[in-house]
Amino acid sequence: NKKEQSVYQESLKEYWDLKSAMDTYFKEGKEEGLQEGEQIGEHKKAIKTAEKCLLKGMTVEETAELTELSVKEVQKIATKLGL
């Protein structure tokens, strides 16, 4: 009957609205996770580059400028390397 059809149609609409919202949140979360992963990877690469620079004799300040790490972070890396 018409009432049952109306209830059914409304439940379908609610389902598709909810599914659409969940798909959007999943996509946004995945994109955010990828961006965060890229940032972590770039930071790790900068640390490796800083280690190489310091071991080659560059100053902390030069290394910080080249790698775009903070002077404080480069100083910690130098300390860790025993320099």
C-alpha atoms as a PDB file:
ATOM      1  CA  ASN A   1       0.000   0.000   0.000  1.00  0.00           C
ATOM      2  CA  LYS A   2       0.961   3.655  -0.258  1.00  0.00           C
ATOM      3  CA  LYS A   3       1.904   4.091   3.401  1.00  0.00           C
ATOM      4  CA  GLU A   4       4.317   1.165   3.281  1.00  0.00           C
ATOM      5  CA  GLN A   5       5.817   2.463   0.044  1.00  0.00           C
ATOM      6  CA  SER A   6       6.286   5.878   1.605  1.00  0.00           C
ATOM      7  CA  VAL A   7       7.990   4.412   4.686  1.00  0.00           C
ATOM      8  CA  TYR A   8      10.184   2.248   2.457  1.00  0.00           C
ATOM      9  CA  GLN A   9      11.162   5.190   0.241  1.00  0.00           C
ATOM     10  CA  GLU A  10      12.003   7.291   3.299  1.00  0.00           C
ATOM     11  CA  SER A  11      14.174   4.521   4.748  1.00  0.00           C
ATOM     12  CA  LEU A  12      16.000   4.215   1.418  1.00  0.00           C
ATOM     13  CA  LYS A  13      16.594   7.973   1.358  1.00  0.00           C
ATOM     14  CA  GLU A  14      17.974   7.864   4.912  1.00  0.00           C
ATOM     15  CA  TYR A  15      20.227   4.954   3.985  1.00  0.00           C
ATOM     16  CA  TRP A  16      21.657   6.693   0.914  1.00  0.00           C
ATOM     17  CA  ASP A  17      22.136   9.960   2.798  1.00  0.00           C
ATOM     18  CA  LEU A  18      24.008   8.141   5.558  1.00  0.00           C
ATOM     19  CA  LYS A  19      26.093   6.152   3.060  1.00  0.00           C
ATOM     20  CA  SER A  20      26.995   9.319   1.183  1.00  0.00           C
ATOM     21  CA  ALA A  21      28.068  11.059   4.391  1.00  0.00           C
ATOM     22  CA  MET A  22      30.162   8.074   5.475  1.00  0.00           C
ATOM     23  CA  ASP A  23      31.822   7.829   2.051  1.00  0.00           C
ATOM     24  CA  THR A  24      32.685  11.532   2.227  1.00  0.00           C
ATOM     25  CA  TYR A  25      34.148  11.220   5.740  1.00  0.00           C
ATOM     26  CA  PHE A  26      36.151   8.161   4.685  1.00  0.00           C
ATOM     27  CA  LYS A  27      37.551   9.970   1.646  1.00  0.00           C
ATOM     28  CA  GLU A  28      38.448  13.057   3.702  1.00  0.00           C
ATOM     29  CA  GLY A  29      40.091  10.905   6.380  1.00  0.00           C
ATOM     30  CA  LYS A  30      42.095   9.008   3.798  1.00  0.00           C
ATOM     31  CA  GLU A  31      43.299  12.243   2.174  1.00  0.00           C
ATOM     32  CA  GLU A  32      44.227  13.662   5.577  1.00  0.00           C
ATOM     33  CA  GLY A  33      46.153  10.499   6.406  1.00  0.00           C
ATOM     34  CA  LEU A  34      48.045  10.648   3.132  1.00  0.00           C
ATOM     35  CA  GLN A  35      49.012  14.267   3.728  1.00  0.00           C
ATOM     36  CA  GLU A  36      50.179  13.456   7.237  1.00  0.00           C
ATOM     37  CA  GLY A  37      52.208  10.534   5.913  1.00  0.00           C
ATOM     38  CA  GLU A  38      53.859  12.742   3.311  1.00  0.00           C
ATOM     39  CA  GLN A  39      54.793  15.286   5.983  1.00  0.00           C
ATOM     40  CA  ILE A  40      56.304  12.580   8.174  1.00  0.00           C
ATOM     41  CA  GLY A  41      58.265  11.224   5.222  1.00  0.00           C
ATOM     42  CA  GLU A  42      59.580  14.670   4.312  1.00  0.00           C
ATOM     43  CA  HIS A  43      60.641  15.255   7.912  1.00  0.00           C
ATOM     44  CA  LYS A  44      62.479  11.936   8.085  1.00  0.00           C
ATOM     45  CA  LYS A  45      64.258  12.768   4.825  1.00  0.00           C
ATOM     46  CA  ALA A  46      65.271  16.173   6.208  1.00  0.00           C
ATOM     47  CA  ILE A  47      66.711  14.474   9.291  1.00  0.00           C
ATOM     48  CA  LYS A  48      68.743  12.057   7.157  1.00  0.00           C
ATOM     49  CA  THR A  49      70.011  14.967   5.060  1.00  0.00           C
ATOM     50  CA  ALA A  50      70.923  16.884   8.220  1.00  0.00           C
ATOM     51  CA  GLU A  51      72.885  13.909   9.505  1.00  0.00           C
ATOM     52  CA  LYS A  52      74.843  13.729   6.246  1.00  0.00           C
ATOM     53  CA  CYS A  53      75.500  17.473   6.222  1.00  0.00           C
ATOM     54  CA  LEU A  54      76.744  17.484   9.799  1.00  0.00           C
ATOM     55  CA  LEU A  55      78.978  14.482   9.189  1.00  0.00           C
ATOM     56  CA  LYS A  56      80.448  16.315   6.174  1.00  0.00           C
ATOM     57  CA  GLY A  57      81.366  19.225   8.419  1.00  0.00           C
ATOM     58  CA  MET A  58      78.595  21.735   7.782  1.00  0.00           C
ATOM     59  CA  THR A  59      77.641  23.969  10.700  1.00  0.00           C
ATOM     60  CA  VAL A  60      74.388  23.553  12.566  1.00  0.00           C
ATOM     61  CA  GLU A  61      73.127  26.845  11.143  1.00  0.00           C
ATOM     62  CA  GLU A  62      74.023  25.916   7.544  1.00  0.00           C
ATOM     63  CA  THR A  63      72.395  22.522   7.977  1.00  0.00           C
ATOM     64  CA  ALA A  64      69.247  24.064   9.455  1.00  0.00           C
ATOM     65  CA  GLU A  65      68.990  26.473   6.546  1.00  0.00           C
ATOM     66  CA  LEU A  66      69.518  23.743   3.958  1.00  0.00           C
ATOM     67  CA  THR A  67      67.126  21.220   5.483  1.00  0.00           C
ATOM     68  CA  GLU A  68      64.542  23.734   6.751  1.00  0.00           C
ATOM     69  CA  LEU A  69      64.749  22.130  10.199  1.00  0.00           C
ATOM     70  CA  SER A  70      65.037  24.317  13.263  1.00  0.00           C
ATOM     71  CA  VAL A  71      68.470  25.069  14.676  1.00  0.00           C
ATOM     72  CA  LYS A  72      67.353  23.400  17.906  1.00  0.00           C
ATOM     73  CA  GLU A  73      66.418  20.193  16.077  1.00  0.00           C
ATOM     74  CA  VAL A  74      69.689  20.166  14.136  1.00  0.00           C
ATOM     75  CA  GLN A  75      71.569  20.664  17.416  1.00  0.00           C
ATOM     76  CA  LYS A  76      69.808  17.585  18.820  1.00  0.00           C
ATOM     77  CA  ILE A  77      70.815  15.612  15.734  1.00  0.00           C
ATOM     78  CA  ALA A  78      74.418  16.783  16.084  1.00  0.00           C
ATOM     79  CA  THR A  79      74.420  15.739  19.740  1.00  0.00           C
ATOM     80  CA  LYS A  80      73.003  12.343  18.826  1.00  0.00           C
ATOM     81  CA  LEU A  81      75.829  11.938  16.300  1.00  0.00           C
ATOM     82  CA  GLY A  82      78.367  12.905  18.949  1.00  0.00           C
ATOM     83  CA  LEU A  83      79.408  16.126  17.221  1.00  0.00           C
END
